């Protein structure tokens, strides 16, 4: 049993957020961060059996910035 699962979170081009689990086939998306938290919890709950579910969910936020040279 893993004690933690990590999601890479990015801002979606059309607005909102997307989250992909590292090493697992789990994906979630939402318009706001509180909604994303709920969606990620739900997705993890659906993916794992209760006794095999990770105890912690880590969200790693990735943000691209473009600046003029």
C-alpha atoms as a PDB file:
ATOM      1  CA  UNK A   1       0.000   0.000   0.000  1.00  0.00           C
ATOM      2  CA  UNK A   2       1.300   3.453  -0.923  1.00  0.00           C
ATOM      3  CA  UNK A   3       0.940   6.100   1.735  1.00  0.00           C
ATOM      4  CA  UNK A   4       0.912   8.974  -0.760  1.00  0.00           C
ATOM      5  CA  UNK A   5      -0.175   9.722  -4.317  1.00  0.00           C
ATOM      6  CA  UNK A   6       1.084  12.735  -6.293  1.00  0.00           C
ATOM      7  CA  UNK A   7      -0.914  14.705  -8.847  1.00  0.00           C
ATOM      8  CA  UNK A   8       0.585  17.178 -11.301  1.00  0.00           C
ATOM      9  CA  UNK A   9      -1.811  20.135 -11.492  1.00  0.00           C
ATOM     10  CA  UNK A  10      -1.840  22.611 -14.370  1.00  0.00           C
ATOM     11  CA  UNK A  11      -4.053  25.518 -15.310  1.00  0.00           C
ATOM     12  CA  UNK A  12      -6.211  24.506 -18.265  1.00  0.00           C
ATOM     13  CA  UNK A  13      -6.010  26.755 -21.366  1.00  0.00           C
ATOM     14  CA  UNK A  14      -9.797  27.215 -21.320  1.00  0.00           C
ATOM     15  CA  UNK A  15      -9.790  27.992 -17.592  1.00  0.00           C
ATOM     16  CA  UNK A  16      -9.869  25.868 -14.487  1.00  0.00           C
ATOM     17  CA  UNK A  17      -7.422  23.124 -13.572  1.00  0.00           C
ATOM     18  CA  UNK A  18      -6.415  19.626 -14.638  1.00  0.00           C
ATOM     19  CA  UNK A  19      -4.720  17.056 -12.424  1.00  0.00           C
ATOM     20  CA  UNK A  20      -2.962  13.826 -13.461  1.00  0.00           C
ATOM     21  CA  UNK A  21      -1.692  11.238 -11.008  1.00  0.00           C
ATOM     22  CA  UNK A  22       1.969  10.277 -11.380  1.00  0.00           C
ATOM     23  CA  UNK A  23       2.250   6.552 -12.122  1.00  0.00           C
ATOM     24  CA  UNK A  24      -1.506   5.960 -12.072  1.00  0.00           C
ATOM     25  CA  UNK A  25      -4.273   6.328 -14.634  1.00  0.00           C
ATOM     26  CA  UNK A  26      -6.181   8.933 -12.635  1.00  0.00           C
ATOM     27  CA  UNK A  27      -7.292  12.282 -14.082  1.00  0.00           C
ATOM     28  CA  UNK A  28      -9.463  15.054 -12.663  1.00  0.00           C
ATOM     29  CA  UNK A  29     -10.497  18.526 -13.760  1.00  0.00           C
ATOM     30  CA  UNK A  30     -12.428  21.389 -12.204  1.00  0.00           C
ATOM     31  CA  UNK A  31     -13.089  25.116 -12.488  1.00  0.00           C
ATOM     32  CA  UNK A  32     -11.852  26.073  -9.008  1.00  0.00           C
ATOM     33  CA  UNK A  33      -9.313  24.752  -6.530  1.00  0.00           C
ATOM     34  CA  UNK A  34     -11.918  23.651  -3.953  1.00  0.00           C
ATOM     35  CA  UNK A  35     -13.747  21.761  -6.716  1.00  0.00           C
ATOM     36  CA  UNK A  36     -10.450  20.212  -7.840  1.00  0.00           C
ATOM     37  CA  UNK A  37      -9.747  19.013  -4.291  1.00  0.00           C
ATOM     38  CA  UNK A  38     -13.135  17.293  -4.220  1.00  0.00           C
ATOM     39  CA  UNK A  39     -12.688  15.804  -7.711  1.00  0.00           C
ATOM     40  CA  UNK A  40      -9.228  14.439  -6.890  1.00  0.00           C
ATOM     41  CA  UNK A  41     -10.472  12.874  -3.634  1.00  0.00           C
ATOM     42  CA  UNK A  42     -13.379  11.295  -5.489  1.00  0.00           C
ATOM     43  CA  UNK A  43     -11.141   9.992  -8.300  1.00  0.00           C
ATOM     44  CA  UNK A  44      -8.703   8.434  -5.825  1.00  0.00           C
ATOM     45  CA  UNK A  45     -11.591   6.870  -3.910  1.00  0.00           C
ATOM     46  CA  UNK A  46     -12.964   5.331  -7.113  1.00  0.00           C
ATOM     47  CA  UNK A  47      -9.569   4.065  -8.296  1.00  0.00           C
ATOM     48  CA  UNK A  48      -8.441   2.221  -5.151  1.00  0.00           C
ATOM     49  CA  UNK A  49     -10.055  -0.296  -2.849  1.00  0.00           C
ATOM     50  CA  UNK A  50     -10.622   1.292   0.583  1.00  0.00           C
ATOM     51  CA  UNK A  51      -7.843  -0.730   2.245  1.00  0.00           C
ATOM     52  CA  UNK A  52      -5.364   0.063  -0.563  1.00  0.00           C
ATOM     53  CA  UNK A  53      -6.051   3.806  -0.922  1.00  0.00           C
ATOM     54  CA  UNK A  54      -3.185   6.216  -0.201  1.00  0.00           C
ATOM     55  CA  UNK A  55      -3.471   8.148   3.044  1.00  0.00           C
ATOM     56  CA  UNK A  56      -2.163  11.417   1.537  1.00  0.00           C
ATOM     57  CA  UNK A  57      -2.832  13.191  -1.745  1.00  0.00           C
ATOM     58  CA  UNK A  58      -0.136  15.635  -2.828  1.00  0.00           C
ATOM     59  CA  UNK A  59      -0.893  18.270  -5.469  1.00  0.00           C
ATOM     60  CA  UNK A  60       2.164  19.537  -7.342  1.00  0.00           C
ATOM     61  CA  UNK A  61       1.313  22.756  -9.182  1.00  0.00           C
ATOM     62  CA  UNK A  62       3.097  23.449 -12.471  1.00  0.00           C
ATOM     63  CA  UNK A  63       2.786  26.855 -14.062  1.00  0.00           C
ATOM     64  CA  UNK A  64       4.309  28.058 -17.315  1.00  0.00           C
ATOM     65  CA  UNK A  65       5.292  31.696 -17.645  1.00  0.00           C
ATOM     66  CA  UNK A  66       6.344  33.310 -20.869  1.00  0.00           C
ATOM     67  CA  UNK A  67       8.364  36.503 -20.738  1.00  0.00           C
ATOM     68  CA  UNK A  68       9.644  38.662 -23.565  1.00  0.00           C
ATOM     69  CA  UNK A  69      13.363  38.418 -24.240  1.00  0.00           C
END
